[in-house]
Amino acid sequence: MFGGKAQSLGIAVLRIVVGIVFLAHGYQKVFKYGFHGVEGMLGHLGIPAPAVAAIVVMIVEFVGGILLVTGLATRLPAALLAIDMLVAILAVHAKRGFFNPTGIANPVGWLYLPDVEWRRRGVSETTLAAAKKNYFSGRF
């Protein structure tokens, strides 16, 4: 149904949007909160070795976001960002329940929200259909 160009465009749109979100959060951690602010937050959340975790999170979100937006070395940053979000869900959001606005449904909702808005414009179906075509083949 979708040709190679539509598939590439759909994956690129998805990659760039996700990259911008992580870049913005990484920027906030690096330039607004700073190392000590992120370390304090992670320590308060009970993350082990908060100093090391702060460095890792700041680099993964900021540099990973840049790499996703530019399309350079996307697989490793995407995997690291997925681990980053899994830890965030388990350490913060899972404790508050699935349907609580600050629980698991919150980060999942942010992934769904653009889908609702873009669906009216026909963007989501194109992006997802293009991505599904070769998702499991490993060809991106």
Foldseek 3Di string as FASTA:
>chain_A
DDDPVLLVVLQLVVLQVVLVVLQVVLCCLPPPQHQVSQLVVCVVLVNPPSSVVSVLSSCLSNVLSVCSNVVHPNPVSVVSVVVVVVCCLVSFAVVVPCPPCSHVVVVVVVVCVVVVVCVVVVSNVSNVVSCVVCVPVPDD
